[in-house]
């Protein structure tokens, strides 16, 4: 299980939140913020 603890929430945090998993060790550190880097949602 993974978690996201969210404190001091603001109205602009309103959204649908998705978790995602990536298995590509060779590229993940450079592309960890890129949607396409993740295989499973």
ModelCIF file with pLDDT and N, C-alpha, C, O atoms, coordinates in Angstrom:
data_MODEL
#
_entry.id   MODEL 
#
_entity.id                         1 
_entity.type                       polymer 
_entity.pdbx_number_of_molecules   1 
#
_entity_poly.entity_id                      1 
_entity_poly.type                           'polypeptide(L)' 
_entity_poly.nstd_linkage                   no 
_entity_poly.nstd_monomer                   no 
_entity_poly.pdbx_seq_one_letter_code       
;(UNK)(UNK)(UNK)(UNK)(UNK)(UNK)(UNK)(UNK)(UNK)(UNK)(UNK)(UNK)(UNK)(UNK)(UNK)(UNK)
(UNK)(UNK)(UNK)(UNK)(UNK)(UNK)(UNK)(UNK)(UNK)(UNK)(UNK)(UNK)(UNK)(UNK)(UNK)(UNK)
(UNK)(UNK)(UNK)(UNK)(UNK)(UNK)(UNK)(UNK)(UNK)
;
_entity_poly.pdbx_seq_one_letter_code_can   XXXXXXXXXXXXXXXXXXXXXXXXXXXXXXXXXXXXXXXXX 
_entity_poly.pdbx_strand_id                 A 
#
loop_
_entity_poly_seq.entity_id 
_entity_poly_seq.num 
_entity_poly_seq.mon_id 
_entity_poly_seq.hetero 
1 1  UNK n 
1 2  UNK n 
1 3  UNK n 
1 4  UNK n 
1 5  UNK n 
1 6  UNK n 
1 7  UNK n 
1 8  UNK n 
1 9  UNK n 
1 10 UNK n 
1 11 UNK n 
1 12 UNK n 
1 13 UNK n 
1 14 UNK n 
1 15 UNK n 
1 16 UNK n 
1 17 UNK n 
1 18 UNK n 
1 19 UNK n 
1 20 UNK n 
1 21 UNK n 
1 22 UNK n 
1 23 UNK n 
1 24 UNK n 
1 25 UNK n 
1 26 UNK n 
1 27 UNK n 
1 28 UNK n 
1 29 UNK n 
1 30 UNK n 
1 31 UNK n 
1 32 UNK n 
1 33 UNK n 
1 34 UNK n 
1 35 UNK n 
1 36 UNK n 
1 37 UNK n 
1 38 UNK n 
1 39 UNK n 
1 40 UNK n 
1 41 UNK n 
#
_struct_asym.id          A 
_struct_asym.entity_id   1 
#
loop_
_ma_qa_metric.id 
_ma_qa_metric.mode 
_ma_qa_metric.name 
_ma_qa_metric.software_group_id 
_ma_qa_metric.type 
1 global pLDDT . pLDDT 
2 local  pLDDT . pLDDT 
#
_ma_qa_metric_global.metric_id      1 
_ma_qa_metric_global.metric_value   94.39 
_ma_qa_metric_global.model_id       1 
_ma_qa_metric_global.ordinal_id     1 
#
loop_
_ma_qa_metric_local.label_asym_id 
_ma_qa_metric_local.label_comp_id 
_ma_qa_metric_local.label_seq_id 
_ma_qa_metric_local.metric_id 
_ma_qa_metric_local.metric_value 
_ma_qa_metric_local.model_id 
_ma_qa_metric_local.ordinal_id 
A UNK 1  2 98.00 1 1  
A UNK 2  2 98.00 1 2  
A UNK 3  2 98.00 1 3  
A UNK 4  2 98.00 1 4  
A UNK 5  2 98.00 1 5  
A UNK 6  2 98.00 1 6  
A UNK 7  2 98.00 1 7  
A UNK 8  2 98.00 1 8  
A UNK 9  2 98.00 1 9  
A UNK 10 2 98.00 1 10 
A UNK 11 2 97.00 1 11 
A UNK 12 2 97.00 1 12 
A UNK 13 2 98.00 1 13 
A UNK 14 2 98.00 1 14 
A UNK 15 2 98.00 1 15 
A UNK 16 2 98.00 1 16 
A UNK 17 2 98.00 1 17 
A UNK 18 2 98.00 1 18 
A UNK 19 2 98.00 1 19 
A UNK 20 2 98.00 1 20 
A UNK 21 2 97.00 1 21 
A UNK 22 2 95.00 1 22 
A UNK 23 2 90.00 1 23 
A UNK 24 2 81.00 1 24 
A UNK 25 2 77.00 1 25 
A UNK 26 2 81.00 1 26 
A UNK 27 2 86.00 1 27 
A UNK 28 2 88.00 1 28 
A UNK 29 2 87.00 1 29 
A UNK 30 2 88.00 1 30 
A UNK 31 2 92.00 1 31 
A UNK 32 2 94.00 1 32 
A UNK 33 2 95.00 1 33 
A UNK 34 2 95.00 1 34 
A UNK 35 2 95.00 1 35 
A UNK 36 2 93.00 1 36 
A UNK 37 2 94.00 1 37 
A UNK 38 2 95.00 1 38 
A UNK 39 2 94.00 1 39 
A UNK 40 2 97.00 1 40 
A UNK 41 2 98.00 1 41 
#
loop_
_atom_site.group_PDB 
_atom_site.id 
_atom_site.type_symbol 
_atom_site.label_atom_id 
_atom_site.label_alt_id 
_atom_site.label_comp_id 
_atom_site.label_asym_id 
_atom_site.label_entity_id 
_atom_site.label_seq_id 
_atom_site.pdbx_PDB_ins_code 
_atom_site.Cartn_x 
_atom_site.Cartn_y 
_atom_site.Cartn_z 
_atom_site.occupancy 
_atom_site.B_iso_or_equiv 
_atom_site.pdbx_formal_charge 
_atom_site.auth_seq_id 
_atom_site.auth_comp_id 
_atom_site.auth_asym_id 
_atom_site.auth_atom_id 
_atom_site.pdbx_PDB_model_num 
ATOM 1   N N  . UNK A 1 1  ? 0.824  -1.196 0.000   1.00 98.00 ? 1  UNK A N  1 
ATOM 2   C CA . UNK A 1 1  ? 0.000  0.000  0.000   1.00 98.00 ? 1  UNK A CA 1 
ATOM 3   C C  . UNK A 1 1  ? 0.867  1.259  0.000   1.00 98.00 ? 1  UNK A C  1 
ATOM 4   O O  . UNK A 1 1  ? 1.893  1.333  0.676   1.00 98.00 ? 1  UNK A O  1 
ATOM 5   N N  . UNK A 1 2  ? 0.424  2.235  -0.773  1.00 98.00 ? 2  UNK A N  1 
ATOM 6   C CA . UNK A 1 2  ? 1.044  3.549  -0.757  1.00 98.00 ? 2  UNK A CA 1 
ATOM 7   C C  . UNK A 1 2  ? 0.080  4.566  -0.170  1.00 98.00 ? 2  UNK A C  1 
ATOM 8   O O  . UNK A 1 2  ? -1.129 4.343  -0.108  1.00 98.00 ? 2  UNK A O  1 
ATOM 9   N N  . UNK A 1 3  ? 0.650  5.701  0.265   1.00 98.00 ? 3  UNK A N  1 
ATOM 10  C CA . UNK A 1 3  ? -0.173 6.706  0.948   1.00 98.00 ? 3  UNK A CA 1 
ATOM 11  C C  . UNK A 1 3  ? 0.190  8.112  0.475   1.00 98.00 ? 3  UNK A C  1 
ATOM 12  O O  . UNK A 1 3  ? 1.301  8.370  0.013   1.00 98.00 ? 3  UNK A O  1 
ATOM 13  N N  . UNK A 1 4  ? -0.775 8.999  0.607   1.00 98.00 ? 4  UNK A N  1 
ATOM 14  C CA . UNK A 1 4  ? -0.516 10.421 0.409   1.00 98.00 ? 4  UNK A CA 1 
ATOM 15  C C  . UNK A 1 4  ? -1.228 11.161 1.542   1.00 98.00 ? 4  UNK A C  1 
ATOM 16  O O  . UNK A 1 4  ? -2.454 11.269 1.549   1.00 98.00 ? 4  UNK A O  1 
ATOM 17  N N  . UNK A 1 5  ? -0.455 11.664 2.489   1.00 98.00 ? 5  UNK A N  1 
ATOM 18  C CA . UNK A 1 5  ? -1.000 12.459 3.582   1.00 98.00 ? 5  UNK A CA 1 
ATOM 19  C C  . UNK A 1 5  ? -1.071 13.903 3.123   1.00 98.00 ? 5  UNK A C  1 
ATOM 20  O O  . UNK A 1 5  ? -0.063 14.481 2.717   1.00 98.00 ? 5  UNK A O  1 
ATOM 21  N N  . UNK A 1 6  ? -2.250 14.483 3.185   1.00 98.00 ? 6  UNK A N  1 
ATOM 22  C CA . UNK A 1 6  ? -2.470 15.840 2.704   1.00 98.00 ? 6  UNK A CA 1 
ATOM 23  C C  . UNK A 1 6  ? -2.929 16.715 3.870   1.00 98.00 ? 6  UNK A C  1 
ATOM 24  O O  . UNK A 1 6  ? -4.002 16.497 4.435   1.00 98.00 ? 6  UNK A O  1 
ATOM 25  N N  . UNK A 1 7  ? -2.127 17.684 4.217   1.00 98.00 ? 7  UNK A N  1 
ATOM 26  C CA . UNK A 1 7  ? -2.443 18.617 5.298   1.00 98.00 ? 7  UNK A CA 1 
ATOM 27  C C  . UNK A 1 7  ? -2.597 20.033 4.749   1.00 98.00 ? 7  UNK A C  1 
ATOM 28  O O  . UNK A 1 7  ? -2.180 20.326 3.629   1.00 98.00 ? 7  UNK A O  1 
ATOM 29  N N  . UNK A 1 8  ? -3.195 20.892 5.543   1.00 98.00 ? 8  UNK A N  1 
ATOM 30  C CA . UNK A 1 8  ? -3.375 22.301 5.161   1.00 98.00 ? 8  UNK A CA 1 
ATOM 31  C C  . UNK A 1 8  ? -3.971 22.420 3.762   1.00 98.00 ? 8  UNK A C  1 
ATOM 32  O O  . UNK A 1 8  ? -3.483 23.176 2.922   1.00 98.00 ? 8  UNK A O  1 
ATOM 33  N N  . UNK A 1 9  ? -5.013 21.672 3.537   1.00 98.00 ? 9  UNK A N  1 
ATOM 34  C CA . UNK A 1 9  ? -5.610 21.626 2.203   1.00 98.00 ? 9  UNK A CA 1 
ATOM 35  C C  . UNK A 1 9  ? -6.201 22.974 1.802   1.00 98.00 ? 9  UNK A C  1 
ATOM 36  O O  . UNK A 1 9  ? -6.716 23.724 2.632   1.00 98.00 ? 9  UNK A O  1 
ATOM 37  N N  . UNK A 1 10 ? -6.112 23.255 0.513   1.00 98.00 ? 10 UNK A N  1 
ATOM 38  C CA . UNK A 1 10 ? -6.605 24.495 -0.057  1.00 98.00 ? 10 UNK A CA 1 
ATOM 39  C C  . UNK A 1 10 ? -7.654 24.179 -1.121  1.00 98.00 ? 10 UNK A C  1 
ATOM 40  O O  . UNK A 1 10 ? -7.647 23.082 -1.680  1.00 98.00 ? 10 UNK A O  1 
ATOM 41  N N  . UNK A 1 11 ? -8.552 25.116 -1.409  1.00 97.00 ? 11 UNK A N  1 
ATOM 42  C CA . UNK A 1 11 ? -9.545 24.866 -2.465  1.00 97.00 ? 11 UNK A CA 1 
ATOM 43  C C  . UNK A 1 11 ? -8.899 24.479 -3.801  1.00 97.00 ? 11 UNK A C  1 
ATOM 44  O O  . UNK A 1 11 ? -9.470 23.694 -4.557  1.00 97.00 ? 11 UNK A O  1 
ATOM 45  N N  . UNK A 1 12 ? -7.738 25.013 -4.091  1.00 97.00 ? 12 UNK A N  1 
ATOM 46  C CA . UNK A 1 12 ? -7.078 24.680 -5.359  1.00 97.00 ? 12 UNK A CA 1 
ATOM 47  C C  . UNK A 1 12 ? -6.518 23.262 -5.380  1.00 97.00 ? 12 UNK A C  1 
ATOM 48  O O  . UNK A 1 12 ? -6.031 22.818 -6.420  1.00 97.00 ? 12 UNK A O  1 
ATOM 49  N N  . UNK A 1 13 ? -6.574 22.544 -4.267  1.00 98.00 ? 13 UNK A N  1 
ATOM 50  C CA . UNK A 1 13 ? -6.198 21.127 -4.252  1.00 98.00 ? 13 UNK A CA 1 
ATOM 51  C C  . UNK A 1 13 ? -7.346 20.234 -4.721  1.00 98.00 ? 13 UNK A C  1 
ATOM 52  O O  . UNK A 1 13 ? -7.165 19.026 -4.874  1.00 98.00 ? 13 UNK A O  1 
ATOM 53  N N  . UNK A 1 14 ? -8.500 20.803 -4.946  1.00 98.00 ? 14 UNK A N  1 
ATOM 54  C CA . UNK A 1 14 ? -9.650 20.027 -5.405  1.00 98.00 ? 14 UNK A CA 1 
ATOM 55  C C  . UNK A 1 14 ? -9.366 19.392 -6.761  1.00 98.00 ? 14 UNK A C  1 
ATOM 56  O O  . UNK A 1 14 ? -9.006 20.079 -7.717  1.00 98.00 ? 14 UNK A O  1 
ATOM 57  N N  . UNK A 1 15 ? -9.532 18.074 -6.832  1.00 98.00 ? 15 UNK A N  1 
ATOM 58  C CA . UNK A 1 15 ? -9.224 17.326 -8.054  1.00 98.00 ? 15 UNK A CA 1 
ATOM 59  C C  . UNK A 1 15 ? -9.525 15.851 -7.816  1.00 98.00 ? 15 UNK A C  1 
ATOM 60  O O  . UNK A 1 15 ? -9.806 15.431 -6.694  1.00 98.00 ? 15 UNK A O  1 
ATOM 61  N N  . UNK A 1 16 ? -9.462 15.088 -8.877  1.00 98.00 ? 16 UNK A N  1 
ATOM 62  C CA . UNK A 1 16 ? -9.425 13.637 -8.764  1.00 98.00 ? 16 UNK A CA 1 
ATOM 63  C C  . UNK A 1 16 ? -7.953 13.243 -8.625  1.00 98.00 ? 16 UNK A C  1 
ATOM 64  O O  . UNK A 1 16 ? -7.113 13.651 -9.427  1.00 98.00 ? 16 UNK A O  1 
ATOM 65  N N  . UNK A 1 17 ? -7.655 12.455 -7.609  1.00 98.00 ? 17 UNK A N  1 
ATOM 66  C CA . UNK A 1 17 ? -6.283 12.043 -7.323  1.00 98.00 ? 17 UNK A CA 1 
ATOM 67  C C  . UNK A 1 17 ? -6.085 10.597 -7.771  1.00 98.00 ? 17 UNK A C  1 
ATOM 68  O O  . UNK A 1 17 ? -6.893 9.719  -7.470  1.00 98.00 ? 17 UNK A O  1 
ATOM 69  N N  . UNK A 1 18 ? -5.001 10.376 -8.490  1.00 98.00 ? 18 UNK A N  1 
ATOM 70  C CA . UNK A 1 18 ? -4.672 9.061  -9.016  1.00 98.00 ? 18 UNK A CA 1 
ATOM 71  C C  . UNK A 1 18 ? -3.323 8.594  -8.480  1.00 98.00 ? 18 UNK A C  1 
ATOM 72  O O  . UNK A 1 18 ? -2.375 9.376  -8.397  1.00 98.00 ? 18 UNK A O  1 
ATOM 73  N N  . UNK A 1 19 ? -3.241 7.324  -8.119  1.00 98.00 ? 19 UNK A N  1 
ATOM 74  C CA . UNK A 1 19 ? -1.924 6.744  -7.865  1.00 98.00 ? 19 UNK A CA 1 
ATOM 75  C C  . UNK A 1 19 ? -1.496 5.978  -9.113  1.00 98.00 ? 19 UNK A C  1 
ATOM 76  O O  . UNK A 1 19 ? -2.323 5.514  -9.898  1.00 98.00 ? 19 UNK A O  1 
ATOM 77  N N  . UNK A 1 20 ? -0.191 5.863  -9.271  1.00 98.00 ? 20 UNK A N  1 
ATOM 78  C CA . UNK A 1 20 ? 0.365  5.239  -10.459 1.00 98.00 ? 20 UNK A CA 1 
ATOM 79  C C  . UNK A 1 20 ? 1.640  4.495  -10.097 1.00 98.00 ? 20 UNK A C  1 
ATOM 80  O O  . UNK A 1 20 ? 2.303  4.810  -9.108  1.00 98.00 ? 20 UNK A O  1 
ATOM 81  N N  . UNK A 1 21 ? 1.972  3.498  -10.919 1.00 97.00 ? 21 UNK A N  1 
ATOM 82  C CA . UNK A 1 21 ? 3.148  2.670  -10.666 1.00 97.00 ? 21 UNK A CA 1 
ATOM 83  C C  . UNK A 1 21 ? 4.021  2.599  -11.907 1.00 97.00 ? 21 UNK A C  1 
ATOM 84  O O  . UNK A 1 21 ? 3.528  2.495  -13.030 1.00 97.00 ? 21 UNK A O  1 
ATOM 85  N N  . UNK A 1 22 ? 5.327  2.659  -11.683 1.00 95.00 ? 22 UNK A N  1 
ATOM 86  C CA . UNK A 1 22 ? 6.299  2.607  -12.773 1.00 95.00 ? 22 UNK A CA 1 
ATOM 87  C C  . UNK A 1 22 ? 7.358  1.572  -12.468 1.00 95.00 ? 22 UNK A C  1 
ATOM 88  O O  . UNK A 1 22 ? 7.856  1.497  -11.345 1.00 95.00 ? 22 UNK A O  1 
ATOM 89  N N  . UNK A 1 23 ? 7.711  0.759  -13.479 1.00 90.00 ? 23 UNK A N  1 
ATOM 90  C CA . UNK A 1 23 ? 8.732  -0.260 -13.258 1.00 90.00 ? 23 UNK A CA 1 
ATOM 91  C C  . UNK A 1 23 ? 10.049 0.047  -13.951 1.00 90.00 ? 23 UNK A C  1 
ATOM 92  O O  . UNK A 1 23 ? 10.961 -0.779 -13.921 1.00 90.00 ? 23 UNK A O  1 
ATOM 93  N N  . UNK A 1 24 ? 10.173 1.206  -14.569 1.00 81.00 ? 24 UNK A N  1 
ATOM 94  C CA . UNK A 1 24 ? 11.345 1.496  -15.390 1.00 81.00 ? 24 UNK A CA 1 
ATOM 95  C C  . UNK A 1 24 ? 12.441 2.179  -14.578 1.00 81.00 ? 24 UNK A C  1 
ATOM 96  O O  . UNK A 1 24 ? 12.495 3.407  -14.523 1.00 81.00 ? 24 UNK A O  1 
ATOM 97  N N  . UNK A 1 25 ? 13.298 1.408  -13.959 1.00 77.00 ? 25 UNK A N  1 
ATOM 98  C CA . UNK A 1 25 ? 14.347 1.956  -13.123 1.00 77.00 ? 25 UNK A CA 1 
ATOM 99  C C  . UNK A 1 25 ? 15.320 2.833  -13.892 1.00 77.00 ? 25 UNK A C  1 
ATOM 100 O O  . UNK A 1 25 ? 15.907 3.758  -13.330 1.00 77.00 ? 25 UNK A O  1 
ATOM 101 N N  . UNK A 1 26 ? 15.491 2.549  -15.161 1.00 81.00 ? 26 UNK A N  1 
ATOM 102 C CA . UNK A 1 26 ? 16.473 3.303  -15.940 1.00 81.00 ? 26 UNK A CA 1 
ATOM 103 C C  . UNK A 1 26 ? 16.066 4.732  -16.225 1.00 81.00 ? 26 UNK A C  1 
ATOM 104 O O  . UNK A 1 26 ? 16.921 5.592  -16.437 1.00 81.00 ? 26 UNK A O  1 
ATOM 105 N N  . UNK A 1 27 ? 14.759 5.000  -16.234 1.00 86.00 ? 27 UNK A N  1 
ATOM 106 C CA . UNK A 1 27 ? 14.297 6.329  -16.634 1.00 86.00 ? 27 UNK A CA 1 
ATOM 107 C C  . UNK A 1 27 ? 13.506 7.055  -15.557 1.00 86.00 ? 27 UNK A C  1 
ATOM 108 O O  . UNK A 1 27 ? 13.302 8.266  -15.648 1.00 86.00 ? 27 UNK A O  1 
ATOM 109 N N  . UNK A 1 28 ? 13.070 6.343  -14.560 1.00 88.00 ? 28 UNK A N  1 
ATOM 110 C CA . UNK A 1 28 ? 12.120 6.943  -13.622 1.00 88.00 ? 28 UNK A CA 1 
ATOM 111 C C  . UNK A 1 28 ? 12.668 8.160  -12.914 1.00 88.00 ? 28 UNK A C  1 
ATOM 112 O O  . UNK A 1 28 ? 11.951 9.152  -12.778 1.00 88.00 ? 28 UNK A O  1 
ATOM 113 N N  . UNK A 1 29 ? 13.931 8.130  -12.449 1.00 87.00 ? 29 UNK A N  1 
ATOM 114 C CA . UNK A 1 29 ? 14.453 9.251  -11.673 1.00 87.00 ? 29 UNK A CA 1 
ATOM 115 C C  . UNK A 1 29 ? 14.454 10.541 -12.475 1.00 87.00 ? 29 UNK A C  1 
ATOM 116 O O  . UNK A 1 29 ? 14.271 11.623 -11.918 1.00 87.00 ? 29 UNK A O  1 
ATOM 117 N N  . UNK A 1 30 ? 14.657 10.431 -13.767 1.00 88.00 ? 30 UNK A N  1 
ATOM 118 C CA . UNK A 1 30 ? 14.654 11.623 -14.614 1.00 88.00 ? 30 UNK A CA 1 
ATOM 119 C C  . UNK A 1 30 ? 13.247 12.030 -15.042 1.00 88.00 ? 30 UNK A C  1 
ATOM 120 O O  . UNK A 1 30 ? 13.008 13.187 -15.389 1.00 88.00 ? 30 UNK A O  1 
ATOM 121 N N  . UNK A 1 31 ? 12.320 11.079 -15.016 1.00 92.00 ? 31 UNK A N  1 
ATOM 122 C CA . UNK A 1 31 ? 10.982 11.330 -15.574 1.00 92.00 ? 31 UNK A CA 1 
ATOM 123 C C  . UNK A 1 31 ? 9.880  11.055 -14.569 1.00 92.00 ? 31 UNK A C  1 
ATOM 124 O O  . UNK A 1 31 ? 8.749  10.778 -14.968 1.00 92.00 ? 31 UNK A O  1 
ATOM 125 N N  . UNK A 1 32 ? 10.167 11.121 -13.304 1.00 94.00 ? 32 UNK A N  1 
ATOM 126 C CA . UNK A 1 32 ? 9.211  10.746 -12.264 1.00 94.00 ? 32 UNK A CA 1 
ATOM 127 C C  . UNK A 1 32 ? 7.975  11.630 -12.239 1.00 94.00 ? 32 UNK A C  1 
ATOM 128 O O  . UNK A 1 32 ? 6.948  11.203 -11.712 1.00 94.00 ? 32 UNK A O  1 
ATOM 129 N N  . UNK A 1 33 ? 8.021  12.811 -12.768 1.00 95.00 ? 33 UNK A N  1 
ATOM 130 C CA . UNK A 1 33 ? 6.861  13.689 -12.788 1.00 95.00 ? 33 UNK A CA 1 
ATOM 131 C C  . UNK A 1 33 ? 6.094  13.630 -14.104 1.00 95.00 ? 33 UNK A C  1 
ATOM 132 O O  . UNK A 1 33 ? 5.168  14.413 -14.312 1.00 95.00 ? 33 UNK A O  1 
ATOM 133 N N  . UNK A 1 34 ? 6.458  12.734 -14.974 1.00 95.00 ? 34 UNK A N  1 
ATOM 134 C CA . UNK A 1 34 ? 5.854  12.632 -16.299 1.00 95.00 ? 34 UNK A CA 1 
ATOM 135 C C  . UNK A 1 34 ? 4.791  11.539 -16.320 1.00 95.00 ? 34 UNK A C  1 
ATOM 136 O O  . UNK A 1 34 ? 5.056  10.399 -15.938 1.00 95.00 ? 34 UNK A O  1 
ATOM 137 N N  . UNK A 1 35 ? 3.596  11.889 -16.763 1.00 95.00 ? 35 UNK A N  1 
ATOM 138 C CA . UNK A 1 35 ? 2.481  10.929 -16.784 1.00 95.00 ? 35 UNK A CA 1 
ATOM 139 C C  . UNK A 1 35 ? 2.844  9.674  -17.569 1.00 95.00 ? 35 UNK A C  1 
ATOM 140 O O  . UNK A 1 35 ? 2.542  8.560  -17.141 1.00 95.00 ? 35 UNK A O  1 
ATOM 141 N N  . UNK A 1 36 ? 3.488  9.851  -18.708 1.00 93.00 ? 36 UNK A N  1 
ATOM 142 C CA . UNK A 1 36 ? 3.795  8.727  -19.595 1.00 93.00 ? 36 UNK A CA 1 
ATOM 143 C C  . UNK A 1 36 ? 4.808  7.753  -19.006 1.00 93.00 ? 36 UNK A C  1 
ATOM 144 O O  . UNK A 1 36 ? 4.979  6.656  -19.538 1.00 93.00 ? 36 UNK A O  1 
ATOM 145 N N  . UNK A 1 37 ? 5.481  8.126  -17.922 1.00 94.00 ? 37 UNK A N  1 
ATOM 146 C CA . UNK A 1 37 ? 6.473  7.250  -17.313 1.00 94.00 ? 37 UNK A CA 1 
ATOM 147 C C  . UNK A 1 37 ? 5.821  6.109  -16.541 1.00 94.00 ? 37 UNK A C  1 
ATOM 148 O O  . UNK A 1 37 ? 6.477  5.118  -16.222 1.00 94.00 ? 37 UNK A O  1 
ATOM 149 N N  . UNK A 1 38 ? 4.535  6.246  -16.241 1.00 95.00 ? 38 UNK A N  1 
ATOM 150 C CA . UNK A 1 38 ? 3.837  5.296  -15.391 1.00 95.00 ? 38 UNK A CA 1 
ATOM 151 C C  . UNK A 1 38 ? 2.973  4.345  -16.223 1.00 95.00 ? 38 UNK A C  1 
ATOM 152 O O  . UNK A 1 38 ? 2.235  4.759  -17.117 1.00 95.00 ? 38 UNK A O  1 
ATOM 153 N N  . UNK A 1 39 ? 3.096  3.049  -15.895 1.00 94.00 ? 39 UNK A N  1 
ATOM 154 C CA . UNK A 1 39 ? 2.433  2.009  -16.679 1.00 94.00 ? 39 UNK A CA 1 
ATOM 155 C C  . UNK A 1 39 ? 1.047  1.683  -16.164 1.00 94.00 ? 39 UNK A C  1 
ATOM 156 O O  . UNK A 1 39 ? 0.168  1.299  -16.936 1.00 94.00 ? 39 UNK A O  1 
ATOM 157 N N  . UNK A 1 40 ? 0.846  1.832  -14.867 1.00 97.00 ? 40 UNK A N  1 
ATOM 158 C CA . UNK A 1 40 ? -0.385 1.363  -14.242 1.00 97.00 ? 40 UNK A CA 1 
ATOM 159 C C  . UNK A 1 40 ? -0.988 2.489  -13.411 1.00 97.00 ? 40 UNK A C  1 
ATOM 160 O O  . UNK A 1 40 ? -0.287 3.237  -12.728 1.00 97.00 ? 40 UNK A O  1 
ATOM 161 N N  . UNK A 1 41 ? -2.314 2.582  -13.495 1.00 98.00 ? 41 UNK A N  1 
ATOM 162 C CA . UNK A 1 41 ? -3.053 3.666  -12.842 1.00 98.00 ? 41 UNK A CA 1 
ATOM 163 C C  . UNK A 1 41 ? -4.273 3.121  -12.113 1.00 98.00 ? 41 UNK A C  1 
ATOM 164 O O  . UNK A 1 41 ? -5.021 3.886  -11.502 1.00 98.00 ? 41 UNK A O  1 
#
